[in-house]
Amino acid sequence: MPAVPRARLVATAVHLPPRYRTVSETRERIAASGGAYVPPPGLIEDLTGVRGVHVREPGTQASDLAVAAAREALDAAGAAVGELDLLLFAATCQDLAEPATAHVVAAELGAHCPVFDVKNACNSVLNAMETASALIAAGRYRTVLIACGETTTDVARWRVPDHEALIRAMPGYTVSDAGAALLLTAGPAGAGDPGVLSMAFGADSSAWDACTVEAGGSRNFRPVDDEPTYIRLNGDLLRNAALDSVPWVLERAGPEIEAAREAAFVAFHQISTQQFHETIDKLGLPADRCLPTIAEHGNCAAASLPLQLVRARETSRVEPGDTVALLGMASGFSFGLALIRL
């Protein structure tokens, strides 16, 4: 009986737009919008810990950011576009409602393989990795490219009537535009071989309305004003759902969480400096093997985990042979965890 192949992560790349908007500049734009409320200096920084975010140039699409990162990943792996057997676009954002943004990315790259989108808020890349790993293990495909393009700065609300509205709109001031790409290929699955070792996923969908962008779906297909286009929090429901989910995360992903605590590096989705420290505390993660990126880079949505992995490699926190853990948390509410030997 032939051995089941293991998905091996051969390249990871991130593309961050060069434009950088400080939180002070964000406050200035809120003030200039003519809204009834202007946050006092330092409020956004104090609440989130974010110093600034990356903003794409006008006219740049989610697919453009994904293509830039994909080309870097292919170059790093020494792989040609013609070697791709499958291309997945995985992000909170998209170019169009129809067709799948994966087609736009494939056309720009010159790829002629099957394509489709994977969408699950900030867990999109992690779910795409689960999909790619399963298809590689099944022998359906050998080489899979996951491409992510986030244009989340579009969801910021600039005119706010009061302090409460600002708090509900707070995520929009901390999200960054970003591209990311991961290249996976089939490899042997021996005890010491690199690749995706295990994964665990779960969801508490009762909290689906904790954090939403309403426009674009059947509920608000043609919004009559800008209101449904903004990201909004439903009070503390998202934070509470994340914290309250810890017991069942530990129950459902117990072995993987234990392994994550022993990993050389742990990346997890970050939305504020407070949440960064709370996650480490609640899940018992090794603080010295985690990397805070939220303050400098903001919330890069589904590109967050690739960003942390790239930064870990650039700072020599990880090297070939190390095991890393990627922990995803997303509005909806869902979690995912991947253990990967580099």
C-alpha atoms as a PDB file:
ATOM      1  CA  MET A   1       0.000   0.000   0.000  1.00  0.00           C
ATOM      2  CA  PRO A   2       1.569   3.345  -1.022  1.00  0.00           C
ATOM      3  CA  ALA A   3       2.467   5.769   1.753  1.00  0.00           C
ATOM      4  CA  VAL A   4       0.170   8.764   2.274  1.00  0.00           C
ATOM      5  CA  PRO A   5       2.015  11.959   1.277  1.00  0.00           C
ATOM      6  CA  ARG A   6       2.345  14.853   3.714  1.00  0.00           C
ATOM      7  CA  ALA A   7       1.814  18.480   2.746  1.00  0.00           C
ATOM      8  CA  ARG A   8       5.134  20.281   3.105  1.00  0.00           C
ATOM      9  CA  LEU A   9       5.342  24.062   3.489  1.00  0.00           C
ATOM     10  CA  VAL A  10       8.159  25.012   1.134  1.00  0.00           C
ATOM     11  CA  ALA A  11       7.731  28.805   1.007  1.00  0.00           C
ATOM     12  CA  THR A  12       5.904  31.591   2.834  1.00  0.00           C
ATOM     13  CA  ALA A  13       5.815  35.211   1.688  1.00  0.00           C
ATOM     14  CA  VAL A  14       4.120  38.421   2.774  1.00  0.00           C
ATOM     15  CA  HIS A  15       3.628  41.648   0.830  1.00  0.00           C
ATOM     16  CA  LEU A  16       2.939  44.822   2.838  1.00  0.00           C
ATOM     17  CA  PRO A  17       2.069  48.024   0.935  1.00  0.00           C
ATOM     18  CA  PRO A  18       4.727  50.706   1.514  1.00  0.00           C
ATOM     19  CA  ARG A  19       2.205  53.369   2.546  1.00  0.00           C
ATOM     20  CA  TYR A  20       1.901  53.542   6.327  1.00  0.00           C
ATOM     21  CA  ARG A  21      -0.837  55.413   8.178  1.00  0.00           C
ATOM     22  CA  THR A  22      -0.098  56.185  11.804  1.00  0.00           C
ATOM     23  CA  VAL A  23      -2.914  56.169  14.340  1.00  0.00           C
ATOM     24  CA  SER A  24      -2.368  59.911  14.764  1.00  0.00           C
ATOM     25  CA  GLU A  25      -3.093  60.318  11.046  1.00  0.00           C
ATOM     26  CA  THR A  26      -6.176  58.141  11.491  1.00  0.00           C
ATOM     27  CA  ARG A  27      -7.439  60.481  14.209  1.00  0.00           C
ATOM     28  CA  GLU A  28      -6.771  63.477  11.951  1.00  0.00           C
ATOM     29  CA  ARG A  29      -8.848  61.893   9.194  1.00  0.00           C
ATOM     30  CA  ILE A  30     -11.726  61.235  11.609  1.00  0.00           C
ATOM     31  CA  ALA A  31     -11.543  64.876  12.683  1.00  0.00           C
ATOM     32  CA  ALA A  32     -11.499  66.100   9.076  1.00  0.00           C
ATOM     33  CA  SER A  33     -14.517  63.982   8.103  1.00  0.00           C
ATOM     34  CA  GLY A  34     -16.935  66.394   9.747  1.00  0.00           C
ATOM     35  CA  GLY A  35     -18.456  63.868  12.132  1.00  0.00           C
ATOM     36  CA  ALA A  36     -19.890  64.978  15.461  1.00  0.00           C
ATOM     37  CA  TYR A  37     -17.265  63.135  17.511  1.00  0.00           C
ATOM     38  CA  VAL A  38     -13.472  63.289  17.428  1.00  0.00           C
ATOM     39  CA  PRO A  39     -11.539  60.888  19.698  1.00  0.00           C
ATOM     40  CA  PRO A  40      -9.143  62.547  22.123  1.00  0.00           C
ATOM     41  CA  PRO A  41      -5.436  62.175  21.279  1.00  0.00           C
ATOM     42  CA  GLY A  42      -4.058  58.807  22.324  1.00  0.00           C
ATOM     43  CA  LEU A  43      -7.421  57.071  22.805  1.00  0.00           C
ATOM     44  CA  ILE A  44      -7.129  54.650  19.874  1.00  0.00           C
ATOM     45  CA  GLU A  45      -3.525  53.805  20.771  1.00  0.00           C
ATOM     46  CA  ASP A  46      -4.460  53.229  24.426  1.00  0.00           C
ATOM     47  CA  LEU A  47      -7.372  50.950  23.560  1.00  0.00           C
ATOM     48  CA  THR A  48      -5.645  48.878  20.884  1.00  0.00           C
ATOM     49  CA  GLY A  49      -1.875  49.264  21.248  1.00  0.00           C
ATOM     50  CA  VAL A  50      -1.660  49.763  17.479  1.00  0.00           C
ATOM     51  CA  ARG A  51       0.728  52.451  16.223  1.00  0.00           C
ATOM     52  CA  GLY A  52      -0.126  52.305  12.527  1.00  0.00           C
ATOM     53  CA  VAL A  53      -1.380  50.244   9.595  1.00  0.00           C
ATOM     54  CA  HIS A  54      -0.344  49.481   6.015  1.00  0.00           C
ATOM     55  CA  VAL A  55      -2.520  51.043   3.304  1.00  0.00           C
ATOM     56  CA  ARG A  56      -2.480  50.070  -0.368  1.00  0.00           C
ATOM     57  CA  GLU A  57      -2.343  52.605  -3.187  1.00  0.00           C
ATOM     58  CA  PRO A  58      -5.647  53.625  -4.820  1.00  0.00           C
ATOM     59  CA  GLY A  59      -6.720  51.122  -7.444  1.00  0.00           C
ATOM     60  CA  THR A  60      -4.820  48.210  -5.880  1.00  0.00           C
ATOM     61  CA  GLN A  61      -7.066  45.165  -5.542  1.00  0.00           C
ATOM     62  CA  ALA A  62      -7.027  42.193  -3.186  1.00  0.00           C
ATOM     63  CA  SER A  63      -5.788  40.081  -6.091  1.00  0.00           C
ATOM     64  CA  ASP A  64      -2.857  42.458  -6.702  1.00  0.00           C
ATOM     65  CA  LEU A  65      -1.635  42.030  -3.129  1.00  0.00           C
ATOM     66  CA  ALA A  66      -2.070  38.261  -3.390  1.00  0.00           C
ATOM     67  CA  VAL A  67      -0.184  38.118  -6.698  1.00  0.00           C
ATOM     68  CA  ALA A  68       2.747  40.120  -5.287  1.00  0.00           C
ATOM     69  CA  ALA A  69       3.096  37.710  -2.368  1.00  0.00           C
ATOM     70  CA  ALA A  70       2.571  34.661  -4.588  1.00  0.00           C
ATOM     71  CA  ARG A  71       5.407  35.675  -6.891  1.00  0.00           C
ATOM     72  CA  GLU A  72       7.715  36.082  -3.891  1.00  0.00           C
ATOM     73  CA  ALA A  73       6.776  32.622  -2.610  1.00  0.00           C
ATOM     74  CA  LEU A  74       7.319  30.975  -5.991  1.00  0.00           C
ATOM     75  CA  ASP A  75      10.687  32.715  -6.388  1.00  0.00           C
ATOM     76  CA  ALA A  76      11.753  31.693  -2.878  1.00  0.00           C
ATOM     77  CA  ALA A  77      10.906  28.061  -3.641  1.00  0.00           C
ATOM     78  CA  GLY A  78      12.470  28.162  -7.103  1.00  0.00           C
ATOM     79  CA  ALA A  79       9.142  26.964  -8.476  1.00  0.00           C
ATOM     80  CA  ALA A  80       7.474  27.817 -11.770  1.00  0.00           C
ATOM     81  CA  VAL A  81       3.804  28.736 -12.156  1.00  0.00           C
ATOM     82  CA  GLY A  82       3.396  25.770 -14.474  1.00  0.00           C
ATOM     83  CA  GLU A  83       4.135  23.416 -11.570  1.00  0.00           C
ATOM     84  CA  LEU A  84       0.971  24.431  -9.713  1.00  0.00           C
ATOM     85  CA  ASP A  85      -1.742  21.788  -9.536  1.00  0.00           C
ATOM     86  CA  LEU A  86      -4.193  23.916  -7.548  1.00  0.00           C
ATOM     87  CA  LEU A  87      -4.510  27.578  -6.546  1.00  0.00           C
ATOM     88  CA  LEU A  88      -6.592  28.684  -3.556  1.00  0.00           C
ATOM     89  CA  PHE A  89      -7.437  32.306  -2.802  1.00  0.00           C
ATOM     90  CA  ALA A  90      -8.023  32.654   0.946  1.00  0.00           C
ATOM     91  CA  ALA A  91      -8.923  35.983   2.545  1.00  0.00           C
ATOM     92  CA  THR A  92     -11.628  37.998   4.236  1.00  0.00           C
ATOM     93  CA  CYS A  93     -11.659  40.253   1.157  1.00  0.00           C
ATOM     94  CA  GLN A  94     -12.249  39.670  -2.552  1.00  0.00           C
ATOM     95  CA  ASP A  95     -12.166  41.529  -5.849  1.00  0.00           C
ATOM     96  CA  LEU A  96     -15.717  40.650  -6.912  1.00  0.00           C
ATOM     97  CA  ALA A  97     -18.716  38.714  -5.708  1.00  0.00           C
ATOM     98  CA  GLU A  98     -18.415  36.735  -8.945  1.00  0.00           C
ATOM     99  CA  PRO A  99     -16.179  35.141 -10.152  1.00  0.00           C
ATOM    100  CA  ALA A 100     -13.875  33.702  -7.506  1.00  0.00           C
ATOM    101  CA  THR A 101     -10.888  35.986  -6.908  1.00  0.00           C
ATOM    102  CA  ALA A 102      -8.691  32.904  -7.363  1.00  0.00           C
ATOM    103  CA  HIS A 103      -9.372  33.236 -11.103  1.00  0.00           C
ATOM    104  CA  VAL A 104      -8.056  36.802 -11.135  1.00  0.00           C
ATOM    105  CA  VAL A 105      -4.905  35.743  -9.258  1.00  0.00           C
ATOM    106  CA  ALA A 106      -4.370  32.774 -11.585  1.00  0.00           C
ATOM    107  CA  ALA A 107      -4.774  34.946 -14.672  1.00  0.00           C
ATOM    108  CA  GLU A 108      -2.229  37.464 -13.389  1.00  0.00           C
ATOM    109  CA  LEU A 109       0.241  34.710 -12.573  1.00  0.00           C
ATOM    110  CA  GLY A 110      -0.376  32.842 -15.824  1.00  0.00           C
ATOM    111  CA  ALA A 111      -1.527  29.693 -14.007  1.00  0.00           C
ATOM    112  CA  HIS A 112      -3.758  27.144 -15.759  1.00  0.00           C
ATOM    113  CA  CYS A 113      -4.596  24.857 -12.836  1.00  0.00           C
ATOM    114  CA  PRO A 114      -7.925  24.426 -11.024  1.00  0.00           C
ATOM    115  CA  VAL A 115      -8.752  27.279  -8.641  1.00  0.00           C
ATOM    116  CA  PHE A 116     -11.297  28.224  -5.998  1.00  0.00           C
ATOM    117  CA  ASP A 117     -11.760  30.568  -3.037  1.00  0.00           C
ATOM    118  CA  VAL A 118     -11.713  29.622   0.642  1.00  0.00           C
ATOM    119  CA  LYS A 119     -13.410  32.172   2.898  1.00  0.00           C
ATOM    120  CA  ASN A 120     -13.726  32.067   6.689  1.00  0.00           C
ATOM    121  CA  ALA A 121     -12.867  35.563   7.954  1.00  0.00           C
ATOM    122  CA  CYS A 122      -9.399  35.728   9.529  1.00  0.00           C
ATOM    123  CA  ASN A 123      -9.070  31.918   9.509  1.00  0.00           C
ATOM    124  CA  SER A 124      -9.252  31.776   5.713  1.00  0.00           C
ATOM    125  CA  VAL A 125      -5.567  30.956   5.173  1.00  0.00           C
ATOM    126  CA  LEU A 126      -5.590  28.318   7.903  1.00  0.00           C
ATOM    127  CA  ASN A 127      -8.696  26.678   6.435  1.00  0.00           C
ATOM    128  CA  ALA A 128      -7.069  26.773   3.003  1.00  0.00           C
ATOM    129  CA  MET A 129      -4.071  24.985   4.501  1.00  0.00           C
ATOM    130  CA  GLU A 130      -6.423  22.321   5.883  1.00  0.00           C
ATOM    131  CA  THR A 131      -8.015  21.955   2.446  1.00  0.00           C
ATOM    132  CA  ALA A 132      -4.664  21.800   0.645  1.00  0.00           C
ATOM    133  CA  SER A 133      -3.232  19.296   3.132  1.00  0.00           C
ATOM    134  CA  ALA A 134      -6.226  16.985   2.763  1.00  0.00           C
ATOM    135  CA  LEU A 135      -6.122  17.114  -1.032  1.00  0.00           C
ATOM    136  CA  ILE A 136      -2.380  16.467  -1.072  1.00  0.00           C
ATOM    137  CA  ALA A 137      -2.786  13.545   1.356  1.00  0.00           C
ATOM    138  CA  ALA A 138      -5.550  12.130  -0.869  1.00  0.00           C
ATOM    139  CA  GLY A 139      -3.224  12.259  -3.869  1.00  0.00           C
ATOM    140  CA  ARG A 140      -5.461  14.687  -5.753  1.00  0.00           C
ATOM    141  CA  TYR A 141      -2.781  17.362  -6.146  1.00  0.00           C
ATOM    142  CA  ARG A 142       0.937  17.597  -5.539  1.00  0.00           C
ATOM    143  CA  THR A 143       1.671  21.344  -5.468  1.00  0.00           C
ATOM    144  CA  VAL A 144      -0.819  23.874  -4.067  1.00  0.00           C
ATOM    145  CA  LEU A 145      -0.482  27.648  -3.830  1.00  0.00           C
ATOM    146  CA  ILE A 146      -2.482  29.522  -1.205  1.00  0.00           C
ATOM    147  CA  ALA A 147      -2.727  33.234  -2.016  1.00  0.00           C
ATOM    148  CA  CYS A 148      -4.227  35.875   0.272  1.00  0.00           C
ATOM    149  CA  GLY A 149      -5.057  39.511  -0.441  1.00  0.00           C
ATOM    150  CA  GLU A 150      -6.519  41.726   2.271  1.00  0.00           C
ATOM    151  CA  THR A 151      -7.949  45.197   1.530  1.00  0.00           C
ATOM    152  CA  THR A 152      -9.534  45.623   4.936  1.00  0.00           C
ATOM    153  CA  THR A 153      -8.786  49.344   5.290  1.00  0.00           C
ATOM    154  CA  ASP A 154     -11.932  49.860   3.186  1.00  0.00           C
ATOM    155  CA  VAL A 155     -14.135  49.019   6.187  1.00  0.00           C
ATOM    156  CA  ALA A 156     -13.045  51.969   8.357  1.00  0.00           C
ATOM    157  CA  ARG A 157     -15.792  54.387   9.394  1.00  0.00           C
ATOM    158  CA  TRP A 158     -14.568  57.981   9.296  1.00  0.00           C
ATOM    159  CA  ARG A 159     -17.669  59.974  10.311  1.00  0.00           C
ATOM    160  CA  VAL A 160     -18.740  58.936  13.807  1.00  0.00           C
ATOM    161  CA  PRO A 161     -21.572  60.561  15.799  1.00  0.00           C
ATOM    162  CA  ASP A 162     -20.389  59.671  19.310  1.00  0.00           C
ATOM    163  CA  HIS A 163     -17.948  57.738  21.476  1.00  0.00           C
ATOM    164  CA  GLU A 164     -20.057  54.570  21.391  1.00  0.00           C
ATOM    165  CA  ALA A 165     -20.059  54.531  17.583  1.00  0.00           C
ATOM    166  CA  LEU A 166     -16.283  54.970  17.576  1.00  0.00           C
ATOM    167  CA  ILE A 167     -15.841  51.971  19.877  1.00  0.00           C
ATOM    168  CA  ARG A 168     -18.051  49.825  17.636  1.00  0.00           C
ATOM    169  CA  ALA A 169     -16.024  50.955  14.617  1.00  0.00           C
ATOM    170  CA  MET A 170     -12.643  50.498  16.362  1.00  0.00           C
ATOM    171  CA  PRO A 171     -11.525  47.394  14.369  1.00  0.00           C
ATOM    172  CA  GLY A 172     -11.627  49.466  11.179  1.00  0.00           C
ATOM    173  CA  TYR A 173      -8.866  51.740  12.463  1.00  0.00           C
ATOM    174  CA  THR A 174      -6.483  48.876  13.246  1.00  0.00           C
ATOM    175  CA  VAL A 175      -6.716  46.664  10.134  1.00  0.00           C
ATOM    176  CA  SER A 176      -3.991  46.615   7.494  1.00  0.00           C
ATOM    177  CA  ASP A 177      -3.929  45.873   3.803  1.00  0.00           C
ATOM    178  CA  ALA A 178      -1.618  42.937   3.094  1.00  0.00           C
ATOM    179  CA  GLY A 179      -0.829  40.063   0.785  1.00  0.00           C
ATOM    180  CA  ALA A 180       0.418  36.611   1.760  1.00  0.00           C
ATOM    181  CA  ALA A 181       1.205  33.326   0.069  1.00  0.00           C
ATOM    182  CA  LEU A 182       2.087  29.789   1.098  1.00  0.00           C
ATOM    183  CA  LEU A 183       3.369  27.100  -1.253  1.00  0.00           C
ATOM    184  CA  LEU A 184       2.758  23.503  -0.242  1.00  0.00           C
ATOM    185  CA  THR A 185       3.907  20.383  -2.002  1.00  0.00           C
ATOM    186  CA  ALA A 186       3.690  16.655  -1.387  1.00  0.00           C
ATOM    187  CA  GLY A 187       6.501  15.009   0.531  1.00  0.00           C
ATOM    188  CA  PRO A 188       7.237  11.871   2.548  1.00  0.00           C
ATOM    189  CA  ALA A 189       5.502  11.441   5.902  1.00  0.00           C
ATOM    190  CA  GLY A 190       8.218   9.815   7.959  1.00  0.00           C
ATOM    191  CA  ALA A 191       8.695  10.491  11.678  1.00  0.00           C
ATOM    192  CA  GLY A 192      11.269  13.229  11.117  1.00  0.00           C
ATOM    193  CA  ASP A 193      10.096  14.566   7.772  1.00  0.00           C
ATOM    194  CA  PRO A 194       8.913  18.192   7.438  1.00  0.00           C
ATOM    195  CA  GLY A 195       5.339  19.142   6.733  1.00  0.00           C
ATOM    196  CA  VAL A 196       1.925  19.660   8.278  1.00  0.00           C
ATOM    197  CA  LEU A 197       1.908  17.282  11.246  1.00  0.00           C
ATOM    198  CA  SER A 198      -1.623  17.790  12.572  1.00  0.00           C
ATOM    199  CA  MET A 199      -4.536  20.223  12.554  1.00  0.00           C
ATOM    200  CA  ALA A 200      -7.579  20.902  14.709  1.00  0.00           C
ATOM    201  CA  PHE A 201     -10.619  23.115  14.061  1.00  0.00           C
ATOM    202  CA  GLY A 202     -13.813  24.143  15.804  1.00  0.00           C
ATOM    203  CA  ALA A 203     -16.524  26.794  15.826  1.00  0.00           C
ATOM    204  CA  ASP A 204     -19.142  28.420  18.032  1.00  0.00           C
ATOM    205  CA  SER A 205     -21.412  29.842  15.369  1.00  0.00           C
ATOM    206  CA  SER A 206     -23.882  31.269  17.879  1.00  0.00           C
ATOM    207  CA  ALA A 207     -21.557  34.303  17.960  1.00  0.00           C
ATOM    208  CA  TRP A 208     -21.741  34.938  14.206  1.00  0.00           C
ATOM    209  CA  ASP A 209     -23.037  38.504  14.630  1.00  0.00           C
ATOM    210  CA  ALA A 210     -20.320  39.630  17.084  1.00  0.00           C
ATOM    211  CA  CYS A 211     -18.314  41.372  14.367  1.00  0.00           C
ATOM    212  CA  THR A 212     -19.756  42.026  10.930  1.00  0.00           C
ATOM    213  CA  VAL A 213     -19.457  43.830   7.612  1.00  0.00           C
ATOM    214  CA  GLU A 214     -23.041  43.723   6.354  1.00  0.00           C
ATOM    215  CA  ALA A 215     -22.760  44.964   2.778  1.00  0.00           C
ATOM    216  CA  GLY A 216     -22.213  42.623  -0.144  1.00  0.00           C
ATOM    217  CA  GLY A 217     -24.410  39.717   0.904  1.00  0.00           C
ATOM    218  CA  SER A 218     -28.099  38.981   0.423  1.00  0.00           C
ATOM    219  CA  ARG A 219     -29.011  40.967   3.557  1.00  0.00           C
ATOM    220  CA  ASN A 220     -27.618  44.212   2.124  1.00  0.00           C
ATOM    221  CA  PHE A 221     -26.881  43.527  -1.517  1.00  0.00           C
ATOM    222  CA  ARG A 222     -27.433  47.154  -2.503  1.00  0.00           C
ATOM    223  CA  PRO A 223     -27.022  49.264   0.645  1.00  0.00           C
ATOM    224  CA  VAL A 224     -28.869  52.579   0.502  1.00  0.00           C
ATOM    225  CA  ASP A 225     -26.089  54.289   2.469  1.00  0.00           C
ATOM    226  CA  ASP A 226     -22.561  53.608   3.675  1.00  0.00           C
ATOM    227  CA  GLU A 227     -23.599  52.195   7.046  1.00  0.00           C
ATOM    228  CA  PRO A 228     -23.513  48.461   6.103  1.00  0.00           C
ATOM    229  CA  THR A 229     -20.041  48.816   4.554  1.00  0.00           C
ATOM    230  CA  TYR A 230     -18.331  49.524   7.883  1.00  0.00           C
ATOM    231  CA  ILE A 231     -16.952  46.864  10.187  1.00  0.00           C
ATOM    232  CA  ARG A 232     -18.730  46.907  13.524  1.00  0.00           C
ATOM    233  CA  LEU A 233     -18.536  45.200  16.897  1.00  0.00           C
ATOM    234  CA  ASN A 234     -21.613  44.024  18.765  1.00  0.00           C
ATOM    235  CA  GLY A 235     -20.474  45.265  22.175  1.00  0.00           C
ATOM    236  CA  ASP A 236     -17.959  42.908  23.783  1.00  0.00           C
ATOM    237  CA  LEU A 237     -19.549  39.856  22.195  1.00  0.00           C
ATOM    238  CA  LEU A 238     -16.555  39.001  19.999  1.00  0.00           C
ATOM    239  CA  ARG A 239     -14.021  39.327  22.824  1.00  0.00           C
ATOM    240  CA  ASN A 240     -16.288  37.411  25.202  1.00  0.00           C
ATOM    241  CA  ALA A 241     -16.877  34.666  22.640  1.00  0.00           C
ATOM    242  CA  ALA A 242     -13.138  34.296  22.149  1.00  0.00           C
ATOM    243  CA  LEU A 243     -12.389  34.150  25.864  1.00  0.00           C
ATOM    244  CA  ASP A 244     -15.388  31.983  26.730  1.00  0.00           C
ATOM    245  CA  SER A 245     -14.383  29.511  24.031  1.00  0.00           C
ATOM    246  CA  VAL A 246     -11.085  28.691  25.736  1.00  0.00           C
ATOM    247  CA  PRO A 247     -12.417  25.635  27.652  1.00  0.00           C
ATOM    248  CA  TRP A 248     -13.818  23.938  24.561  1.00  0.00           C
ATOM    249  CA  VAL A 249     -10.763  24.908  22.502  1.00  0.00           C
ATOM    250  CA  LEU A 250      -8.648  23.138  25.115  1.00  0.00           C
ATOM    251  CA  GLU A 251     -11.041  20.184  25.081  1.00  0.00           C
ATOM    252  CA  ARG A 252     -11.276  19.773  21.306  1.00  0.00           C
ATOM    253  CA  ALA A 253      -7.659  20.624  20.490  1.00  0.00           C
ATOM    254  CA  GLY A 254      -6.041  19.396  23.689  1.00  0.00           C
ATOM    255  CA  PRO A 255      -3.200  17.347  22.142  1.00  0.00           C
ATOM    256  CA  GLU A 256      -2.461  20.062  19.570  1.00  0.00           C
ATOM    257  CA  ILE A 257      -2.477  22.794  22.244  1.00  0.00           C
ATOM    258  CA  GLU A 258      -0.047  20.764  24.334  1.00  0.00           C
ATOM    259  CA  ALA A 259       2.182  20.351  21.293  1.00  0.00           C
ATOM    260  CA  ALA A 260       1.886  24.076  20.514  1.00  0.00           C
ATOM    261  CA  ARG A 261       3.222  24.910  23.962  1.00  0.00           C
ATOM    262  CA  GLU A 262       6.321  22.888  23.104  1.00  0.00           C
ATOM    263  CA  ALA A 263       6.762  24.376  19.616  1.00  0.00           C
ATOM    264  CA  ALA A 264       9.770  26.491  18.733  1.00  0.00           C
ATOM    265  CA  PHE A 265       7.426  29.293  17.666  1.00  0.00           C
ATOM    266  CA  VAL A 266       3.715  30.025  18.103  1.00  0.00           C
ATOM    267  CA  ALA A 267       1.862  32.414  15.798  1.00  0.00           C
ATOM    268  CA  PHE A 268      -1.683  33.394  16.639  1.00  0.00           C
ATOM    269  CA  HIS A 269      -4.153  35.917  15.278  1.00  0.00           C
ATOM    270  CA  GLN A 270      -3.748  39.335  16.900  1.00  0.00           C
ATOM    271  CA  ILE A 271      -6.296  42.177  17.088  1.00  0.00           C
ATOM    272  CA  SER A 272      -4.883  44.265  19.973  1.00  0.00           C
ATOM    273  CA  THR A 273      -2.006  44.200  22.425  1.00  0.00           C
ATOM    274  CA  GLN A 274      -4.444  43.374  25.236  1.00  0.00           C
ATOM    275  CA  GLN A 275      -5.780  40.377  23.309  1.00  0.00           C
ATOM    276  CA  PHE A 276      -2.186  39.289  22.555  1.00  0.00           C
ATOM    277  CA  HIS A 277      -1.392  39.002  26.256  1.00  0.00           C
ATOM    278  CA  GLU A 278      -4.807  37.530  27.152  1.00  0.00           C
ATOM    279  CA  THR A 279      -4.389  34.757  24.577  1.00  0.00           C
ATOM    280  CA  ILE A 280      -0.966  33.815  25.908  1.00  0.00           C
ATOM    281  CA  ASP A 281      -2.345  33.742  29.450  1.00  0.00           C
ATOM    282  CA  LYS A 282      -5.598  31.873  28.716  1.00  0.00           C
ATOM    283  CA  LEU A 283      -3.975  29.187  26.528  1.00  0.00           C
ATOM    284  CA  GLY A 284      -0.776  28.912  28.550  1.00  0.00           C
ATOM    285  CA  LEU A 285       1.438  29.704  25.559  1.00  0.00           C
ATOM    286  CA  PRO A 286       5.182  30.393  25.910  1.00  0.00           C
ATOM    287  CA  ALA A 287       5.441  34.194  25.742  1.00  0.00           C
ATOM    288  CA  ASP A 288       9.109  34.096  24.720  1.00  0.00           C
ATOM    289  CA  ARG A 289       8.184  32.009  21.649  1.00  0.00           C
ATOM    290  CA  CYS A 290       5.396  34.299  20.467  1.00  0.00           C
ATOM    291  CA  LEU A 291       5.902  37.435  18.380  1.00  0.00           C
ATOM    292  CA  PRO A 292       3.733  40.552  18.792  1.00  0.00           C
ATOM    293  CA  THR A 293       3.173  42.114  15.369  1.00  0.00           C
ATOM    294  CA  ILE A 294      -0.076  43.949  16.097  1.00  0.00           C
ATOM    295  CA  ALA A 295       1.517  47.199  17.340  1.00  0.00           C
ATOM    296  CA  GLU A 296       3.675  47.807  14.266  1.00  0.00           C
ATOM    297  CA  HIS A 297       1.642  46.158  11.517  1.00  0.00           C
ATOM    298  CA  GLY A 298      -1.943  46.272  12.760  1.00  0.00           C
ATOM    299  CA  ASN A 299      -4.434  43.460  12.210  1.00  0.00           C
ATOM    300  CA  CYS A 300      -3.565  41.901   8.842  1.00  0.00           C
ATOM    301  CA  ALA A 301      -6.664  39.673   8.921  1.00  0.00           C
ATOM    302  CA  ALA A 302      -6.022  36.297   7.247  1.00  0.00           C
ATOM    303  CA  ALA A 303      -2.460  37.378   6.393  1.00  0.00           C
ATOM    304  CA  SER A 304      -1.599  37.662  10.106  1.00  0.00           C
ATOM    305  CA  LEU A 305      -0.268  34.128  10.600  1.00  0.00           C
ATOM    306  CA  PRO A 306       1.949  34.149   7.470  1.00  0.00           C
ATOM    307  CA  LEU A 307       3.269  37.565   8.550  1.00  0.00           C
ATOM    308  CA  GLN A 308       4.320  36.263  11.951  1.00  0.00           C
ATOM    309  CA  LEU A 309       5.957  33.199  10.422  1.00  0.00           C
ATOM    310  CA  VAL A 310       7.907  35.331   7.951  1.00  0.00           C
ATOM    311  CA  ARG A 311       9.044  37.692  10.708  1.00  0.00           C
ATOM    312  CA  ALA A 312      10.099  34.725  12.845  1.00  0.00           C
ATOM    313  CA  ARG A 313      12.293  33.461  10.022  1.00  0.00           C
ATOM    314  CA  GLU A 314      13.753  36.908   9.356  1.00  0.00           C
ATOM    315  CA  THR A 315      14.730  37.275  13.017  1.00  0.00           C
ATOM    316  CA  SER A 316      16.175  33.729  13.241  1.00  0.00           C
ATOM    317  CA  ARG A 317      13.532  32.603  15.724  1.00  0.00           C
ATOM    318  CA  VAL A 318      12.966  29.472  13.643  1.00  0.00           C
ATOM    319  CA  GLU A 319      15.081  27.322  11.355  1.00  0.00           C
ATOM    320  CA  PRO A 320      14.582  24.186   9.256  1.00  0.00           C
ATOM    321  CA  GLY A 321      13.555  21.250  11.406  1.00  0.00           C
ATOM    322  CA  ASP A 322      11.708  23.348  13.979  1.00  0.00           C
ATOM    323  CA  THR A 323       8.055  22.737  14.740  1.00  0.00           C
ATOM    324  CA  VAL A 324       5.828  25.814  14.659  1.00  0.00           C
ATOM    325  CA  ALA A 325       2.204  26.277  15.672  1.00  0.00           C
ATOM    326  CA  LEU A 326      -0.260  28.477  13.790  1.00  0.00           C
ATOM    327  CA  LEU A 327      -3.351  29.336  15.852  1.00  0.00           C
ATOM    328  CA  GLY A 328      -6.222  31.063  14.102  1.00  0.00           C
ATOM    329  CA  MET A 329      -9.185  32.851  15.679  1.00  0.00           C
ATOM    330  CA  ALA A 330     -11.865  34.478  13.575  1.00  0.00           C
ATOM    331  CA  SER A 331     -15.205  36.205  13.828  1.00  0.00           C
ATOM    332  CA  GLY A 332     -18.010  33.756  13.447  1.00  0.00           C
ATOM    333  CA  PHE A 333     -16.544  32.480  15.927  1.00  0.00           C
ATOM    334  CA  SER A 334     -14.037  29.839  14.825  1.00  0.00           C
ATOM    335  CA  PHE A 335     -10.593  28.620  15.737  1.00  0.00           C
ATOM    336  CA  GLY A 336      -7.976  26.519  13.999  1.00  0.00           C
ATOM    337  CA  LEU A 337      -4.570  25.145  14.872  1.00  0.00           C
ATOM    338  CA  ALA A 338      -1.854  23.750  12.620  1.00  0.00           C
ATOM    339  CA  LEU A 339       1.394  22.131  13.739  1.00  0.00           C
ATOM    340  CA  ILE A 340       4.069  22.264  11.059  1.00  0.00           C
ATOM    341  CA  ARG A 341       7.621  20.989  10.952  1.00  0.00           C
ATOM    342  CA  LEU A 342       9.711  23.328   8.793  1.00  0.00           C
END
